[in-house]
Amino acid sequence: MTAAENKQKQRSRFRKHYQHWYHGLIQEATHEAEKVVNEAQSGGAKAAVNYVATKSKQIVLTSLVKIWSGLNHYPPFHAVAEMAVPTTARWSEKYNHVVKDITRKGYTVFGYLPLIPIDEIAKAFKQGEVNVSADHETSSGEDFSD
């Protein structure tokens, strides 16, 4: 096989892979949009917003754990994290308290604001740390995927 044929074959595999990926992404987005519409029809705007917020929260938590585990390998990051994490947790608790308090006082529009899921974030990070340490223990440097 010539270099040009090899290059063409690589491009073809790349295109097929991403066509399949984009098709799946479009199907998933369509499915989620239908769920949002169903939520809005059955439970109103607040139910639809709640559904979107819950789904978004799941995506954000997963992404944050991946980013955290990647950055956690760099010692300078530890110094910043030791200061930033407690501060962020404290301000998140204050935000949640204010939103709940104002909503209880009758300002219902604040009920649409999402609360920061502090406990869920802590749980996700702990689970991420367990997964990362388990991956490091079982990893032998060889790739057996496929």
N, C-alpha and C. Protein backbone atom coordinates (compact mmCIF):
# COMPACT_ATOMS: atom_id res chain seq x y z
N MET A 1 0.85 -1.17 0.00
CA MET A 1 0.00 0.00 0.00
C MET A 1 0.90 1.24 0.00
N THR A 2 0.59 2.17 -0.88
CA THR A 2 1.40 3.39 -0.96
C THR A 2 1.04 4.32 0.19
N ALA A 3 1.89 5.32 0.37
CA ALA A 3 1.66 6.29 1.44
C ALA A 3 0.36 7.06 1.20
N ALA A 4 0.08 7.38 -0.07
CA ALA A 4 -1.14 8.12 -0.40
C ALA A 4 -2.38 7.27 -0.10
N GLU A 5 -2.32 5.97 -0.43
CA GLU A 5 -3.45 5.09 -0.14
C GLU A 5 -3.66 4.94 1.37
N ASN A 6 -2.56 4.83 2.08
CA ASN A 6 -2.63 4.71 3.53
C ASN A 6 -3.25 5.96 4.15
N LYS A 7 -2.83 7.12 3.65
CA LYS A 7 -3.36 8.40 4.15
C LYS A 7 -4.87 8.48 3.86
N GLN A 8 -5.26 8.06 2.64
CA GLN A 8 -6.68 8.09 2.26
C GLN A 8 -7.50 7.16 3.16
N LYS A 9 -6.95 5.99 3.47
CA LYS A 9 -7.64 5.04 4.33
C LYS A 9 -7.82 5.62 5.74
N GLN A 10 -6.79 6.30 6.24
CA GLN A 10 -6.87 6.94 7.56
C GLN A 10 -7.97 7.99 7.58
N ARG A 11 -8.00 8.81 6.54
CA ARG A 11 -9.02 9.87 6.46
C ARG A 11 -10.42 9.27 6.42
N SER A 12 -10.56 8.18 5.68
CA SER A 12 -11.86 7.53 5.57
C SER A 12 -12.32 7.01 6.93
N ARG A 13 -11.42 6.35 7.68
CA ARG A 13 -11.76 5.87 9.02
C ARG A 13 -12.12 7.02 9.94
N PHE A 14 -11.35 8.11 9.85
CA PHE A 14 -11.59 9.30 10.67
C PHE A 14 -12.98 9.85 10.39
N ARG A 15 -13.30 10.00 9.09
CA ARG A 15 -14.61 10.52 8.69
C ARG A 15 -15.74 9.63 9.20
N LYS A 16 -15.60 8.32 9.02
CA LYS A 16 -16.64 7.39 9.46
C LYS A 16 -16.84 7.47 10.96
N HIS A 17 -15.73 7.54 11.68
CA HIS A 17 -15.81 7.62 13.15
C HIS A 17 -16.59 8.86 13.57
N TYR A 18 -16.23 10.01 13.01
CA TYR A 18 -16.88 11.24 13.44
C TYR A 18 -18.29 11.39 12.89
N GLN A 19 -18.57 10.81 11.73
CA GLN A 19 -19.95 10.82 11.24
C GLN A 19 -20.84 10.05 12.21
N HIS A 20 -20.37 8.91 12.65
CA HIS A 20 -21.12 8.10 13.62
C HIS A 20 -21.29 8.87 14.93
N TRP A 21 -20.22 9.52 15.38
CA TRP A 21 -20.25 10.27 16.63
C TRP A 21 -21.23 11.44 16.54
N TYR A 22 -21.17 12.21 15.44
CA TYR A 22 -22.09 13.34 15.27
C TYR A 22 -23.53 12.87 15.17
N HIS A 23 -23.76 11.78 14.46
CA HIS A 23 -25.11 11.24 14.34
C HIS A 23 -25.66 10.89 15.73
N GLY A 24 -24.85 10.23 16.54
CA GLY A 24 -25.26 9.88 17.90
C GLY A 24 -25.52 11.12 18.75
N LEU A 25 -24.67 12.12 18.59
CA LEU A 25 -24.83 13.36 19.34
C LEU A 25 -26.13 14.06 18.97
N ILE A 26 -26.45 14.10 17.69
CA ILE A 26 -27.68 14.74 17.23
C ILE A 26 -28.90 13.97 17.75
N GLN A 27 -28.84 12.64 17.71
CA GLN A 27 -29.95 11.84 18.23
C GLN A 27 -30.14 12.08 19.73
N GLU A 28 -29.04 12.13 20.46
CA GLU A 28 -29.13 12.36 21.91
C GLU A 28 -29.69 13.75 22.21
N ALA A 29 -29.24 14.76 21.46
CA ALA A 29 -29.74 16.12 21.67
C ALA A 29 -31.24 16.20 21.37
N THR A 30 -31.66 15.54 20.30
CA THR A 30 -33.08 15.52 19.95
C THR A 30 -33.89 14.84 21.05
N HIS A 31 -33.39 13.74 21.54
CA HIS A 31 -34.07 12.99 22.61
C HIS A 31 -34.20 13.86 23.87
N GLU A 32 -33.13 14.56 24.24
CA GLU A 32 -33.16 15.42 25.43
C GLU A 32 -34.11 16.60 25.22
N ALA A 33 -34.14 17.16 24.02
CA ALA A 33 -35.06 18.27 23.73
C ALA A 33 -36.51 17.80 23.88
N GLU A 34 -36.79 16.59 23.41
CA GLU A 34 -38.14 16.03 23.57
C GLU A 34 -38.50 15.88 25.05
N LYS A 35 -37.54 15.45 25.85
CA LYS A 35 -37.79 15.31 27.29
C LYS A 35 -38.11 16.66 27.93
N VAL A 36 -37.38 17.70 27.51
CA VAL A 36 -37.63 19.05 28.06
C VAL A 36 -39.03 19.51 27.68
N VAL A 37 -39.42 19.28 26.43
CA VAL A 37 -40.76 19.67 25.98
C VAL A 37 -41.82 18.90 26.78
N ASN A 38 -41.61 17.61 26.97
CA ASN A 38 -42.56 16.80 27.76
C ASN A 38 -42.67 17.31 29.19
N GLU A 39 -41.53 17.65 29.78
CA GLU A 39 -41.54 18.20 31.14
C GLU A 39 -42.33 19.51 31.19
N ALA A 40 -42.11 20.36 30.19
CA ALA A 40 -42.81 21.65 30.15
C ALA A 40 -44.32 21.44 29.99
N GLN A 41 -44.69 20.48 29.15
CA GLN A 41 -46.12 20.23 28.93
C GLN A 41 -46.79 19.62 30.16
N SER A 42 -46.09 18.73 30.84
CA SER A 42 -46.72 18.06 31.98
C SER A 42 -46.59 18.83 33.29
N GLY A 43 -45.46 19.52 33.49
CA GLY A 43 -45.25 20.17 34.78
C GLY A 43 -45.05 21.67 34.72
N GLY A 44 -45.09 22.23 33.53
CA GLY A 44 -44.91 23.67 33.39
C GLY A 44 -43.45 24.07 33.23
N ALA A 45 -43.25 25.38 33.16
CA ALA A 45 -41.92 25.93 32.91
C ALA A 45 -40.94 25.58 34.02
N LYS A 46 -41.41 25.62 35.25
CA LYS A 46 -40.51 25.33 36.38
C LYS A 46 -40.00 23.89 36.31
N ALA A 47 -40.85 22.95 35.93
CA ALA A 47 -40.43 21.55 35.81
C ALA A 47 -39.39 21.40 34.69
N ALA A 48 -39.60 22.11 33.58
CA ALA A 48 -38.65 22.04 32.47
C ALA A 48 -37.30 22.63 32.88
N VAL A 49 -37.33 23.77 33.56
CA VAL A 49 -36.09 24.39 34.03
C VAL A 49 -35.39 23.48 35.02
N ASN A 50 -36.14 22.86 35.90
CA ASN A 50 -35.57 21.93 36.87
C ASN A 50 -34.91 20.74 36.18
N TYR A 51 -35.56 20.21 35.15
CA TYR A 51 -35.00 19.08 34.40
C TYR A 51 -33.68 19.48 33.74
N VAL A 52 -33.67 20.63 33.08
CA VAL A 52 -32.45 21.11 32.42
C VAL A 52 -31.35 21.35 33.44
N ALA A 53 -31.69 21.93 34.57
CA ALA A 53 -30.70 22.19 35.62
C ALA A 53 -30.11 20.88 36.15
N THR A 54 -30.96 19.88 36.34
CA THR A 54 -30.49 18.58 36.84
C THR A 54 -29.54 17.93 35.84
N LYS A 55 -29.91 17.93 34.57
CA LYS A 55 -29.05 17.34 33.54
C LYS A 55 -27.74 18.10 33.43
N SER A 56 -27.82 19.43 33.47
CA SER A 56 -26.62 20.26 33.38
C SER A 56 -25.70 19.99 34.56
N LYS A 57 -26.29 19.83 35.72
CA LYS A 57 -25.51 19.57 36.93
C LYS A 57 -24.73 18.27 36.79
N GLN A 58 -25.37 17.25 36.24
CA GLN A 58 -24.69 15.97 36.05
C GLN A 58 -23.49 16.11 35.11
N ILE A 59 -23.68 16.86 34.04
CA ILE A 59 -22.60 17.06 33.06
C ILE A 59 -21.46 17.86 33.70
N VAL A 60 -21.81 18.91 34.42
CA VAL A 60 -20.79 19.75 35.05
C VAL A 60 -20.01 18.96 36.10
N LEU A 61 -20.70 18.19 36.92
CA LEU A 61 -20.01 17.40 37.95
C LEU A 61 -19.02 16.42 37.32
N THR A 62 -19.45 15.72 36.30
CA THR A 62 -18.57 14.77 35.62
C THR A 62 -17.35 15.47 35.04
N SER A 63 -17.58 16.60 34.39
CA SER A 63 -16.47 17.35 33.79
C SER A 63 -15.52 17.89 34.84
N LEU A 64 -16.06 18.41 35.93
CA LEU A 64 -15.20 18.93 37.00
C LEU A 64 -14.31 17.86 37.61
N VAL A 65 -14.86 16.68 37.80
CA VAL A 65 -14.06 15.59 38.37
C VAL A 65 -12.93 15.22 37.41
N LYS A 66 -13.22 15.18 36.12
CA LYS A 66 -12.18 14.86 35.14
C LYS A 66 -11.09 15.93 35.13
N ILE A 67 -11.49 17.19 35.16
CA ILE A 67 -10.52 18.29 35.18
C ILE A 67 -9.70 18.24 36.46
N TRP A 68 -10.38 18.05 37.58
CA TRP A 68 -9.71 18.01 38.88
C TRP A 68 -8.66 16.90 38.91
N SER A 69 -9.04 15.71 38.45
CA SER A 69 -8.09 14.59 38.49
C SER A 69 -6.90 14.85 37.58
N GLY A 70 -7.11 15.57 36.48
CA GLY A 70 -5.99 15.92 35.60
C GLY A 70 -5.07 16.94 36.24
N LEU A 71 -5.65 17.97 36.84
CA LEU A 71 -4.85 19.02 37.47
C LEU A 71 -4.19 18.55 38.76
N ASN A 72 -4.77 17.56 39.38
CA ASN A 72 -4.29 17.09 40.67
C ASN A 72 -2.88 16.49 40.60
N HIS A 73 -2.38 16.26 39.41
CA HIS A 73 -1.03 15.71 39.23
C HIS A 73 0.05 16.78 39.33
N TYR A 74 -0.33 18.05 39.40
CA TYR A 74 0.63 19.15 39.41
C TYR A 74 0.71 19.77 40.81
N PRO A 75 1.87 19.72 41.46
CA PRO A 75 2.03 20.25 42.82
C PRO A 75 1.60 21.71 42.99
N PRO A 76 1.88 22.62 42.03
CA PRO A 76 1.42 24.01 42.24
C PRO A 76 -0.09 24.12 42.37
N PHE A 77 -0.80 23.20 41.75
CA PHE A 77 -2.26 23.22 41.83
C PHE A 77 -2.73 22.95 43.26
N HIS A 78 -2.00 22.13 43.99
CA HIS A 78 -2.38 21.81 45.37
C HIS A 78 -2.42 23.06 46.25
N ALA A 79 -1.43 23.93 46.09
CA ALA A 79 -1.38 25.15 46.90
C ALA A 79 -2.59 26.04 46.62
N VAL A 80 -2.93 26.18 45.35
CA VAL A 80 -4.09 26.99 44.98
C VAL A 80 -5.38 26.33 45.49
N ALA A 81 -5.48 25.03 45.32
CA ALA A 81 -6.69 24.31 45.73
C ALA A 81 -6.91 24.38 47.24
N GLU A 82 -5.83 24.34 48.01
CA GLU A 82 -5.97 24.41 49.47
C GLU A 82 -6.60 25.72 49.92
N MET A 83 -6.39 26.78 49.16
CA MET A 83 -7.01 28.07 49.49
C MET A 83 -8.38 28.21 48.84
N ALA A 84 -8.50 27.78 47.59
CA ALA A 84 -9.71 28.04 46.81
C ALA A 84 -10.89 27.15 47.22
N VAL A 85 -10.62 25.90 47.53
CA VAL A 85 -11.72 24.97 47.81
C VAL A 85 -12.53 25.38 49.04
N PRO A 86 -11.89 25.64 50.19
CA PRO A 86 -12.70 26.05 51.36
C PRO A 86 -13.45 27.37 51.13
N THR A 87 -12.81 28.30 50.44
CA THR A 87 -13.45 29.59 50.16
C THR A 87 -14.67 29.39 49.26
N THR A 88 -14.50 28.59 48.23
CA THR A 88 -15.61 28.32 47.31
C THR A 88 -16.76 27.61 48.04
N ALA A 89 -16.43 26.67 48.89
CA ALA A 89 -17.47 25.95 49.65
C ALA A 89 -18.24 26.91 50.55
N ARG A 90 -17.51 27.81 51.23
CA ARG A 90 -18.17 28.76 52.14
C ARG A 90 -19.10 29.69 51.36
N TRP A 91 -18.63 30.24 50.23
CA TRP A 91 -19.47 31.14 49.44
C TRP A 91 -20.65 30.41 48.80
N SER A 92 -20.45 29.15 48.45
CA SER A 92 -21.56 28.36 47.90
C SER A 92 -22.64 28.14 48.94
N GLU A 93 -22.24 27.86 50.17
CA GLU A 93 -23.21 27.70 51.26
C GLU A 93 -23.97 28.99 51.50
N LYS A 94 -23.26 30.12 51.47
CA LYS A 94 -23.92 31.42 51.67
C LYS A 94 -24.93 31.69 50.55
N TYR A 95 -24.54 31.41 49.31
CA TYR A 95 -25.43 31.61 48.17
C TYR A 95 -26.69 30.76 48.35
N ASN A 96 -26.52 29.48 48.66
CA ASN A 96 -27.67 28.59 48.85
C ASN A 96 -28.59 29.11 49.96
N HIS A 97 -28.00 29.57 51.05
CA HIS A 97 -28.78 30.09 52.17
C HIS A 97 -29.59 31.32 51.74
N VAL A 98 -28.97 32.23 51.01
CA VAL A 98 -29.66 33.45 50.56
C VAL A 98 -30.82 33.09 49.63
N VAL A 99 -30.57 32.21 48.66
CA VAL A 99 -31.63 31.84 47.71
C VAL A 99 -32.81 31.19 48.45
N LYS A 100 -32.52 30.27 49.36
CA LYS A 100 -33.59 29.61 50.12
C LYS A 100 -34.35 30.62 50.99
N ASP A 101 -33.62 31.51 51.65
CA ASP A 101 -34.24 32.49 52.55
C ASP A 101 -35.15 33.45 51.78
N ILE A 102 -34.67 33.96 50.65
CA ILE A 102 -35.47 34.91 49.86
C ILE A 102 -36.70 34.21 49.28
N THR A 103 -36.55 32.96 48.86
CA THR A 103 -37.69 32.20 48.33
C THR A 103 -38.74 32.00 49.42
N ARG A 104 -38.29 31.66 50.63
CA ARG A 104 -39.22 31.47 51.76
C ARG A 104 -39.97 32.75 52.10
N LYS A 105 -39.36 33.89 51.84
CA LYS A 105 -40.00 35.17 52.16
C LYS A 105 -41.04 35.56 51.12
N GLY A 106 -41.25 34.71 50.10
CA GLY A 106 -42.31 34.98 49.14
C GLY A 106 -41.86 35.47 47.79
N TYR A 107 -40.58 35.64 47.58
CA TYR A 107 -40.07 36.06 46.27
C TYR A 107 -39.87 34.81 45.42
N THR A 108 -40.97 34.33 44.84
CA THR A 108 -40.97 33.03 44.18
C THR A 108 -40.05 32.96 42.96
N VAL A 109 -39.75 34.09 42.36
CA VAL A 109 -38.86 34.07 41.19
C VAL A 109 -37.49 33.50 41.56
N PHE A 110 -37.08 33.66 42.82
CA PHE A 110 -35.80 33.13 43.26
C PHE A 110 -35.83 31.60 43.36
N GLY A 111 -37.01 31.02 43.38
CA GLY A 111 -37.14 29.57 43.37
C GLY A 111 -36.64 28.94 42.08
N TYR A 112 -36.53 29.76 41.03
CA TYR A 112 -36.01 29.26 39.75
C TYR A 112 -34.48 29.19 39.74
N LEU A 113 -33.84 29.90 40.66
CA LEU A 113 -32.38 29.87 40.70
C LEU A 113 -31.91 28.50 41.20
N PRO A 114 -30.91 27.95 40.54
CA PRO A 114 -30.42 26.64 40.99
C PRO A 114 -29.59 26.78 42.26
N LEU A 115 -29.71 25.80 43.13
CA LEU A 115 -28.85 25.75 44.31
C LEU A 115 -27.57 25.03 43.92
N ILE A 116 -26.49 25.37 44.59
CA ILE A 116 -25.21 24.70 44.33
C ILE A 116 -25.21 23.40 45.12
N PRO A 117 -25.07 22.28 44.44
CA PRO A 117 -25.15 20.97 45.12
C PRO A 117 -23.85 20.61 45.83
N ILE A 118 -23.59 21.25 46.95
CA ILE A 118 -22.32 21.10 47.66
C ILE A 118 -22.05 19.64 48.04
N ASP A 119 -23.05 18.98 48.60
CA ASP A 119 -22.86 17.58 49.02
C ASP A 119 -22.61 16.67 47.82
N GLU A 120 -23.34 16.91 46.74
CA GLU A 120 -23.15 16.09 45.54
C GLU A 120 -21.78 16.32 44.92
N ILE A 121 -21.30 17.56 44.96
CA ILE A 121 -19.96 17.86 44.44
C ILE A 121 -18.92 17.12 45.26
N ALA A 122 -19.04 17.19 46.58
CA ALA A 122 -18.08 16.49 47.45
C ALA A 122 -18.11 14.99 47.19
N LYS A 123 -19.31 14.44 47.05
CA LYS A 123 -19.45 13.00 46.79
C LYS A 123 -18.82 12.63 45.44
N ALA A 124 -19.06 13.45 44.41
CA ALA A 124 -18.51 13.17 43.08
C ALA A 124 -16.99 13.21 43.10
N PHE A 125 -16.42 14.19 43.81
CA PHE A 125 -14.97 14.29 43.88
C PHE A 125 -14.37 13.11 44.65
N LYS A 126 -15.02 12.71 45.72
CA LYS A 126 -14.52 11.54 46.47
C LYS A 126 -14.58 10.29 45.60
N GLN A 127 -15.67 10.12 44.86
CA GLN A 127 -15.80 8.98 43.96
C GLN A 127 -14.75 9.06 42.85
N GLY A 128 -14.51 10.26 42.34
CA GLY A 128 -13.49 10.45 41.32
C GLY A 128 -12.11 10.10 41.83
N GLU A 129 -11.81 10.48 43.08
CA GLU A 129 -10.51 10.15 43.67
C GLU A 129 -10.36 8.64 43.81
N VAL A 130 -11.43 7.96 44.21
CA VAL A 130 -11.39 6.50 44.34
C VAL A 130 -11.14 5.87 42.97
N ASN A 131 -11.84 6.36 41.95
CA ASN A 131 -11.67 5.81 40.60
C ASN A 131 -10.26 6.05 40.08
N VAL A 132 -9.72 7.26 40.31
CA VAL A 132 -8.38 7.58 39.84
C VAL A 132 -7.35 6.71 40.54
N SER A 133 -7.47 6.55 41.86
CA SER A 133 -6.50 5.73 42.58
C SER A 133 -6.62 4.26 42.17
N ALA A 134 -7.82 3.78 41.91
CA ALA A 134 -8.01 2.41 41.44
C ALA A 134 -7.39 2.22 40.06
N ASP A 135 -7.54 3.23 39.20
CA ASP A 135 -6.95 3.17 37.86
C ASP A 135 -5.43 3.10 37.95
N HIS A 136 -4.85 3.89 38.86
CA HIS A 136 -3.39 3.89 39.01
C HIS A 136 -2.89 2.56 39.56
N GLU A 137 -3.64 1.94 40.46
CA GLU A 137 -3.22 0.67 41.05
C GLU A 137 -3.28 -0.46 40.04
N THR A 138 -4.29 -0.47 39.17
CA THR A 138 -4.45 -1.57 38.22
C THR A 138 -3.73 -1.32 36.91
N SER A 139 -3.26 -0.10 36.69
CA SER A 139 -2.59 0.23 35.44
C SER A 139 -1.17 -0.33 35.44
N SER A 140 -0.85 -1.05 34.37
CA SER A 140 0.51 -1.58 34.26
C SER A 140 1.28 -0.91 33.14
N GLY A 141 0.69 0.12 32.56
CA GLY A 141 1.37 0.83 31.48
C GLY A 141 1.04 0.27 30.11
N GLU A 142 0.34 -0.86 30.05
CA GLU A 142 -0.02 -1.45 28.78
C GLU A 142 -1.46 -1.10 28.46
N ASP A 143 -1.73 -0.96 27.15
CA ASP A 143 -3.08 -0.63 26.71
C ASP A 143 -3.71 -1.87 26.09
N PHE A 144 -4.72 -2.41 26.76
CA PHE A 144 -5.39 -3.60 26.27
C PHE A 144 -6.74 -3.28 25.66
N SER A 145 -7.01 -2.01 25.37
CA SER A 145 -8.32 -1.64 24.82
C SER A 145 -8.40 -2.08 23.37
N ASP A 146 -9.59 -2.30 22.91
CA ASP A 146 -9.97 -2.70 21.55
C ASP A 146 -10.76 -3.92 21.59
